[in-house]
Amino acid sequence: MRLKHLLWLPPVLALLLIDPGIIPTPHLRFAGTYSSTSADPYFHHCDYVGLHSRRISPPDGRCPIIAFLTSF
């Protein structure tokens, strides 16, 4: 591997050290409360597990199975 292929690494590491919550990380939906049918649910809130597990209340009623979320 050539050194020029690693030029992206220092800026990314600097961002992580400055504020680890600035870069979204993948989270997996493991629970949620919804109404309507299971084929077309309207989610009231969704619980995600990941680096920063959290609960969200989507304004449009949609919760993807995998979401990229920040720590705040």
PDB file of N, CA and C in Angstrom:
ATOM      1  N   MET A   1       0.848  -1.163   0.000  1.00  0.00           N
ATOM      2  CA  MET A   1       0.000   0.000   0.000  1.00  0.00           C
ATOM      3  C   MET A   1       0.902   1.238   0.000  1.00  0.00           C
ATOM      4  N   ARG A   2       0.555   2.167  -0.831  1.00  0.00           N
ATOM      5  CA  ARG A   2       1.342   3.396  -0.934  1.00  0.00           C
ATOM      6  C   ARG A   2       0.849   4.429   0.074  1.00  0.00           C
ATOM      7  N   LEU A   3       1.752   5.271   0.477  1.00  0.00           N
ATOM      8  CA  LEU A   3       1.449   6.300   1.463  1.00  0.00           C
ATOM      9  C   LEU A   3       0.379   7.268   0.964  1.00  0.00           C
ATOM     10  N   LYS A   4       0.349   7.548  -0.327  1.00  0.00           N
ATOM     11  CA  LYS A   4      -0.636   8.499  -0.855  1.00  0.00           C
ATOM     12  C   LYS A   4      -2.068   7.971  -0.721  1.00  0.00           C
ATOM     13  N   HIS A   5      -2.242   6.660  -0.574  1.00  0.00           N
ATOM     14  CA  HIS A   5      -3.574   6.089  -0.386  1.00  0.00           C
ATOM     15  C   HIS A   5      -4.093   6.324   1.030  1.00  0.00           C
ATOM     16  N   LEU A   6      -3.238   6.746   1.946  1.00  0.00           N
ATOM     17  CA  LEU A   6      -3.627   6.990   3.327  1.00  0.00           C
ATOM     18  C   LEU A   6      -3.741   8.475   3.666  1.00  0.00           C
ATOM     19  N   LEU A   7      -3.732   9.336   2.678  1.00  0.00           N
ATOM     20  CA  LEU A   7      -3.806  10.773   2.924  1.00  0.00           C
ATOM     21  C   LEU A   7      -5.140  11.210   3.530  1.00  0.00           C
ATOM     22  N   TRP A   8      -6.183  10.451   3.351  1.00  0.00           N
ATOM     23  CA  TRP A   8      -7.492  10.784   3.900  1.00  0.00           C
ATOM     24  C   TRP A   8      -7.564  10.492   5.397  1.00  0.00           C
ATOM     25  N   LEU A   9      -6.677   9.645   5.908  1.00  0.00           N
ATOM     26  CA  LEU A   9      -6.756   9.196   7.294  1.00  0.00           C
ATOM     27  C   LEU A   9      -6.529  10.302   8.331  1.00  0.00           C
ATOM     28  N   PRO A  10      -5.515  11.162   8.241  1.00  0.00           N
ATOM     29  CA  PRO A  10      -5.334  12.207   9.264  1.00  0.00           C
ATOM     30  C   PRO A  10      -6.519  13.161   9.421  1.00  0.00           C
ATOM     31  N   PRO A  11      -7.145  13.662   8.341  1.00  0.00           N
ATOM     32  CA  PRO A  11      -8.297  14.551   8.559  1.00  0.00           C
ATOM     33  C   PRO A  11      -9.479  13.847   9.239  1.00  0.00           C
ATOM     34  N   VAL A  12      -9.726  12.596   8.882  1.00  0.00           N
ATOM     35  CA  VAL A  12     -10.835  11.863   9.501  1.00  0.00           C
ATOM     36  C   VAL A  12     -10.547  11.624  10.973  1.00  0.00           C
ATOM     37  N   LEU A  13      -9.330  11.231  11.311  1.00  0.00           N
ATOM     38  CA  LEU A  13      -8.962  11.031  12.711  1.00  0.00           C
ATOM     39  C   LEU A  13      -9.032  12.336  13.496  1.00  0.00           C
ATOM     40  N   ALA A  14      -8.663  13.434  12.880  1.00  0.00           N
ATOM     41  CA  ALA A  14      -8.747  14.732  13.550  1.00  0.00           C
ATOM     42  C   ALA A  14     -10.200  15.082  13.860  1.00  0.00           C
ATOM     43  N   LEU A  15     -11.113  14.825  12.935  1.00  0.00           N
ATOM     44  CA  LEU A  15     -12.533  15.078  13.190  1.00  0.00           C
ATOM     45  C   LEU A  15     -13.052  14.221  14.330  1.00  0.00           C
ATOM     46  N   LEU A  16     -12.649  12.969  14.370  1.00  0.00           N
ATOM     47  CA  LEU A  16     -13.095  12.081  15.443  1.00  0.00           C
ATOM     48  C   LEU A  16     -12.547  12.516  16.798  1.00  0.00           C
ATOM     49  N   LEU A  17     -11.341  13.009  16.824  1.00  0.00           N
ATOM     50  CA  LEU A  17     -10.757  13.459  18.088  1.00  0.00           C
ATOM     51  C   LEU A  17     -11.359  14.775  18.559  1.00  0.00           C
ATOM     52  N   ILE A  18     -11.687  15.658  17.617  1.00  0.00           N
ATOM     53  CA  ILE A  18     -12.261  16.957  17.974  1.00  0.00           C
ATOM     54  C   ILE A  18     -13.676  16.774  18.504  1.00  0.00           C
ATOM     55  N   ASP A  19     -14.520  16.099  17.755  1.00  0.00           N
ATOM     56  CA  ASP A  19     -15.911  15.875  18.159  1.00  0.00           C
ATOM     57  C   ASP A  19     -16.371  14.542  17.608  1.00  0.00           C
ATOM     58  N   PRO A  20     -16.396  13.497  18.442  1.00  0.00           N
ATOM     59  CA  PRO A  20     -16.782  12.175  17.940  1.00  0.00           C
ATOM     60  C   PRO A  20     -18.243  12.089  17.493  1.00  0.00           C
ATOM     61  N   GLY A  21     -19.073  13.051  17.863  1.00  0.00           N
ATOM     62  CA  GLY A  21     -20.474  13.010  17.476  1.00  0.00           C
ATOM     63  C   GLY A  21     -20.785  13.697  16.174  1.00  0.00           C
ATOM     64  N   ILE A  22     -19.775  14.217  15.495  1.00  0.00           N
ATOM     65  CA  ILE A  22     -20.013  14.975  14.268  1.00  0.00           C
ATOM     66  C   ILE A  22     -20.226  14.070  13.055  1.00  0.00           C
ATOM     67  N   ILE A  23     -19.663  12.871  13.091  1.00  0.00           N
ATOM     68  CA  ILE A  23     -19.778  11.949  11.969  1.00  0.00           C
ATOM     69  C   ILE A  23     -20.872  10.924  12.268  1.00  0.00           C
ATOM     70  N   PRO A  24     -21.899  10.823  11.418  1.00  0.00           N
ATOM     71  CA  PRO A  24     -22.958   9.827  11.656  1.00  0.00           C
ATOM     72  C   PRO A  24     -22.419   8.405  11.548  1.00  0.00           C
ATOM     73  N   THR A  25     -22.912   7.552  12.426  1.00  0.00           N
ATOM     74  CA  THR A  25     -22.523   6.141  12.418  1.00  0.00           C
ATOM     75  C   THR A  25     -23.759   5.284  12.175  1.00  0.00           C
ATOM     76  N   PRO A  26     -23.603   4.093  11.618  1.00  0.00           N
ATOM     77  CA  PRO A  26     -24.765   3.237  11.340  1.00  0.00           C
ATOM     78  C   PRO A  26     -25.381   2.680  12.616  1.00  0.00           C
ATOM     79  N   HIS A  27     -26.713   2.658  12.650  1.00  0.00           N
ATOM     80  CA  HIS A  27     -27.484   2.119  13.764  1.00  0.00           C
ATOM     81  C   HIS A  27     -28.554   1.191  13.209  1.00  0.00           C
ATOM     82  N   LEU A  28     -28.895   0.176  13.977  1.00  0.00           N
ATOM     83  CA  LEU A  28     -29.884  -0.823  13.577  1.00  0.00           C
ATOM     84  C   LEU A  28     -31.147  -0.658  14.406  1.00  0.00           C
ATOM     85  N   ARG A  29     -32.295  -0.572  13.731  1.00  0.00           N
ATOM     86  CA  ARG A  29     -33.577  -0.472  14.441  1.00  0.00           C
ATOM     87  C   ARG A  29     -33.889  -1.829  15.060  1.00  0.00           C
ATOM     88  N   PHE A  30     -34.148  -1.846  16.367  1.00  0.00           N
ATOM     89  CA  PHE A  30     -34.474  -3.109  17.003  1.00  0.00           C
ATOM     90  C   PHE A  30     -35.860  -3.101  17.631  1.00  0.00           C
ATOM     91  N   ALA A  31     -36.502  -1.950  17.752  1.00  0.00           N
ATOM     92  CA  ALA A  31     -37.854  -1.882  18.294  1.00  0.00           C
ATOM     93  C   ALA A  31     -38.502  -0.587  17.837  1.00  0.00           C
ATOM     94  N   GLY A  32     -39.818  -0.549  17.966  1.00  0.00           N
ATOM     95  CA  GLY A  32     -40.546   0.655  17.607  1.00  0.00           C
ATOM     96  C   GLY A  32     -42.023   0.488  17.877  1.00  0.00           C
ATOM     97  N   THR A  33     -42.703   1.605  18.052  1.00  0.00           N
ATOM     98  CA  THR A  33     -44.142   1.602  18.236  1.00  0.00           C
ATOM     99  C   THR A  33     -44.768   2.187  16.976  1.00  0.00           C
ATOM    100  N   TYR A  34     -45.703   1.421  16.403  1.00  0.00           N
ATOM    101  CA  TYR A  34     -46.315   1.891  15.165  1.00  0.00           C
ATOM    102  C   TYR A  34     -47.802   1.597  15.183  1.00  0.00           C
ATOM    103  N   SER A  35     -48.510   2.245  14.285  1.00  0.00           N
ATOM    104  CA  SER A  35     -49.928   1.990  14.082  1.00  0.00           C
ATOM    105  C   SER A  35     -50.141   1.681  12.609  1.00  0.00           C
ATOM    106  N   SER A  36     -51.332   1.266  12.254  1.00  0.00           N
ATOM    107  CA  SER A  36     -51.675   0.868  10.892  1.00  0.00           C
ATOM    108  C   SER A  36     -51.305  -0.595  10.693  1.00  0.00           C
ATOM    109  N   THR A  37     -51.133  -1.008   9.464  1.00  0.00           N
ATOM    110  CA  THR A  37     -50.830  -2.409   9.172  1.00  0.00           C
ATOM    111  C   THR A  37     -49.325  -2.634   9.188  1.00  0.00           C
ATOM    112  N   SER A  38     -48.924  -3.881   9.326  1.00  0.00           N
ATOM    113  CA  SER A  38     -47.493  -4.182   9.328  1.00  0.00           C
ATOM    114  C   SER A  38     -46.888  -4.026   7.929  1.00  0.00           C
ATOM    115  N   ALA A  39     -47.724  -4.047   6.893  1.00  0.00           N
ATOM    116  CA  ALA A  39     -47.219  -3.851   5.534  1.00  0.00           C
ATOM    117  C   ALA A  39     -46.890  -2.381   5.274  1.00  0.00           C
ATOM    118  N   ASP A  40     -47.611  -1.471   5.901  1.00  0.00           N
ATOM    119  CA  ASP A  40     -47.381  -0.029   5.723  1.00  0.00           C
ATOM    120  C   ASP A  40     -47.493   0.664   7.087  1.00  0.00           C
ATOM    121  N   PRO A  41     -46.505   0.455   7.968  1.00  0.00           N
ATOM    122  CA  PRO A  41     -46.616   1.013   9.320  1.00  0.00           C
ATOM    123  C   PRO A  41     -46.314   2.504   9.383  1.00  0.00           C
ATOM    124  N   TYR A  42     -46.938   3.172  10.353  1.00  0.00           N
ATOM    125  CA  TYR A  42     -46.618   4.565  10.678  1.00  0.00           C
ATOM    126  C   TYR A  42     -45.979   4.528  12.060  1.00  0.00           C
ATOM    127  N   PHE A  43     -44.672   4.797  12.136  1.00  0.00           N
ATOM    128  CA  PHE A  43     -43.942   4.690  13.385  1.00  0.00           C
ATOM    129  C   PHE A  43     -44.114   5.959  14.230  1.00  0.00           C
ATOM    130  N   HIS A  44     -44.387   5.757  15.513  1.00  0.00           N
ATOM    131  CA  HIS A  44     -44.476   6.869  16.463  1.00  0.00           C
ATOM    132  C   HIS A  44     -43.114   7.121  17.099  1.00  0.00           C
ATOM    133  N   HIS A  45     -42.370   6.059  17.385  1.00  0.00           N
ATOM    134  CA  HIS A  45     -40.980   6.187  17.825  1.00  0.00           C
ATOM    135  C   HIS A  45     -40.248   4.906  17.482  1.00  0.00           C
ATOM    136  N   CYS A  46     -38.924   5.031  17.337  1.00  0.00           N
ATOM    137  CA  CYS A  46     -38.080   3.894  16.978  1.00  0.00           C
ATOM    138  C   CYS A  46     -36.850   3.887  17.874  1.00  0.00           C
ATOM    139  N   ASP A  47     -36.465   2.704  18.314  1.00  0.00           N
ATOM    140  CA  ASP A  47     -35.269   2.529  19.120  1.00  0.00           C
ATOM    141  C   ASP A  47     -34.172   1.946  18.245  1.00  0.00           C
ATOM    142  N   TYR A  48     -33.025   2.609  18.270  1.00  0.00           N
ATOM    143  CA  TYR A  48     -31.880   2.185  17.467  1.00  0.00           C
ATOM    144  C   TYR A  48     -30.734   1.800  18.386  1.00  0.00           C
ATOM    145  N   VAL A  49     -30.011   0.772  18.002  1.00  0.00           N
ATOM    146  CA  VAL A  49     -28.821   0.354  18.722  1.00  0.00           C
ATOM    147  C   VAL A  49     -27.624   0.577  17.805  1.00  0.00           C
ATOM    148  N   GLY A  50     -26.556   1.089  18.395  1.00  0.00           N
ATOM    149  CA  GLY A  50     -25.343   1.385  17.650  1.00  0.00           C
ATOM    150  C   GLY A  50     -24.324   1.991  18.588  1.00  0.00           C
ATOM    151  N   LEU A  51     -23.407   2.764  18.042  1.00  0.00           N
ATOM    152  CA  LEU A  51     -22.385   3.395  18.862  1.00  0.00           C
ATOM    153  C   LEU A  51     -23.006   4.323  19.906  1.00  0.00           C
ATOM    154  N   HIS A  52     -24.047   5.045  19.531  1.00  0.00           N
ATOM    155  CA  HIS A  52     -24.795   5.911  20.439  1.00  0.00           C
ATOM    156  C   HIS A  52     -26.258   5.510  20.356  1.00  0.00           C
ATOM    157  N   SER A  53     -26.663   4.489  21.092  1.00  0.00           N
ATOM    158  CA  SER A  53     -28.050   4.007  21.044  1.00  0.00           C
ATOM    159  C   SER A  53     -28.997   5.130  21.433  1.00  0.00           C
ATOM    160  N   ARG A  54     -30.108   5.200  20.707  1.00  0.00           N
ATOM    161  CA  ARG A  54     -31.058   6.268  20.980  1.00  0.00           C
ATOM    162  C   ARG A  54     -32.438   5.956  20.450  1.00  0.00           C
ATOM    163  N   ARG A  55     -33.403   6.742  20.895  1.00  0.00           N
ATOM    164  CA  ARG A  55     -34.800   6.644  20.457  1.00  0.00           C
ATOM    165  C   ARG A  55     -35.130   7.914  19.687  1.00  0.00           C
ATOM    166  N   ILE A  56     -35.771   7.739  18.533  1.00  0.00           N
ATOM    167  CA  ILE A  56     -36.168   8.900  17.740  1.00  0.00           C
ATOM    168  C   ILE A  56     -37.669   8.861  17.500  1.00  0.00           C
ATOM    169  N   SER A  57     -38.247  10.016  17.278  1.00  0.00           N
ATOM    170  CA  SER A  57     -39.647  10.159  16.891  1.00  0.00           C
ATOM    171  C   SER A  57     -39.662  10.796  15.508  1.00  0.00           C
ATOM    172  N   PRO A  58     -39.843   9.991  14.474  1.00  0.00           N
ATOM    173  CA  PRO A  58     -39.757  10.534  13.110  1.00  0.00           C
ATOM    174  C   PRO A  58     -40.968  11.406  12.772  1.00  0.00           C
ATOM    175  N   PRO A  59     -40.742  12.571  12.160  1.00  0.00           N
ATOM    176  CA  PRO A  59     -41.860  13.440  11.803  1.00  0.00           C
ATOM    177  C   PRO A  59     -42.719  12.877  10.668  1.00  0.00           C
ATOM    178  N   ASP A  60     -42.120  12.039   9.808  1.00  0.00           N
ATOM    179  CA  ASP A  60     -42.872  11.489   8.676  1.00  0.00           C
ATOM    180  C   ASP A  60     -43.394  10.079   8.927  1.00  0.00           C
ATOM    181  N   GLY A  61     -43.100   9.503  10.107  1.00  0.00           N
ATOM    182  CA  GLY A  61     -43.598   8.177  10.444  1.00  0.00           C
ATOM    183  C   GLY A  61     -42.812   7.037   9.836  1.00  0.00           C
ATOM    184  N   ARG A  62     -41.652   7.318   9.280  1.00  0.00           N
ATOM    185  CA  ARG A  62     -40.846   6.262   8.669  1.00  0.00           C
ATOM    186  C   ARG A  62     -39.563   6.072   9.455  1.00  0.00           C
ATOM    187  N   CYS A  63     -39.228   4.816   9.729  1.00  0.00           N
ATOM    188  CA  CYS A  63     -37.987   4.463  10.423  1.00  0.00           C
ATOM    189  C   CYS A  63     -37.281   3.393   9.600  1.00  0.00           C
ATOM    190  N   PRO A  64     -36.194   3.728   8.959  1.00  0.00           N
ATOM    191  CA  PRO A  64     -35.478   2.711   8.189  1.00  0.00           C
ATOM    192  C   PRO A  64     -34.848   1.678   9.119  1.00  0.00           C
ATOM    193  N   ILE A  65     -34.594   0.504   8.594  1.00  0.00           N
ATOM    194  CA  ILE A  65     -33.981  -0.554   9.399  1.00  0.00           C
ATOM    195  C   ILE A  65     -32.568  -0.149   9.797  1.00  0.00           C
ATOM    196  N   ILE A  66     -31.827   0.457   8.878  1.00  0.00           N
ATOM    197  CA  ILE A  66     -30.483   0.966   9.164  1.00  0.00           C
ATOM    198  C   ILE A  66     -30.509   2.474   8.956  1.00  0.00           C
ATOM    199  N   ALA A  67     -30.067   3.206   9.978  1.00  0.00           N
ATOM    200  CA  ALA A  67     -30.028   4.667   9.892  1.00  0.00           C
ATOM    201  C   ALA A  67     -28.659   5.157  10.340  1.00  0.00           C
ATOM    202  N   PHE A  68     -28.206   6.228   9.740  1.00  0.00           N
ATOM    203  CA  PHE A  68     -26.956   6.857  10.137  1.00  0.00           C
ATOM    204  C   PHE A  68     -27.295   8.024  11.055  1.00  0.00           C
ATOM    205  N   LEU A  69     -26.928   7.885  12.337  1.00  0.00           N
ATOM    206  CA  LEU A  69     -27.277   8.857  13.360  1.00  0.00           C
ATOM    207  C   LEU A  69     -26.041   9.424  14.031  1.00  0.00           C
ATOM    208  N   THR A  70     -26.140  10.676  14.451  1.00  0.00           N
ATOM    209  CA  THR A  70     -25.057  11.288  15.223  1.00  0.00           C
ATOM    210  C   THR A  70     -25.331  11.066  16.707  1.00  0.00           C
ATOM    211  N   SER A  71     -24.425  11.495  17.548  1.00  0.00           N
ATOM    212  CA  SER A  71     -24.587  11.261  18.991  1.00  0.00           C
ATOM    213  C   SER A  71     -25.562  12.224  19.634  1.00  0.00           C
ATOM    214  N   PHE A  72     -25.989  13.274  18.947  1.00  0.00           N
ATOM    215  CA  PHE A  72     -26.924  14.224  19.554  1.00  0.00           C
ATOM    216  C   PHE A  72     -28.183  14.331  18.763  1.00  0.00           C
TER     217      PHE A  72
END
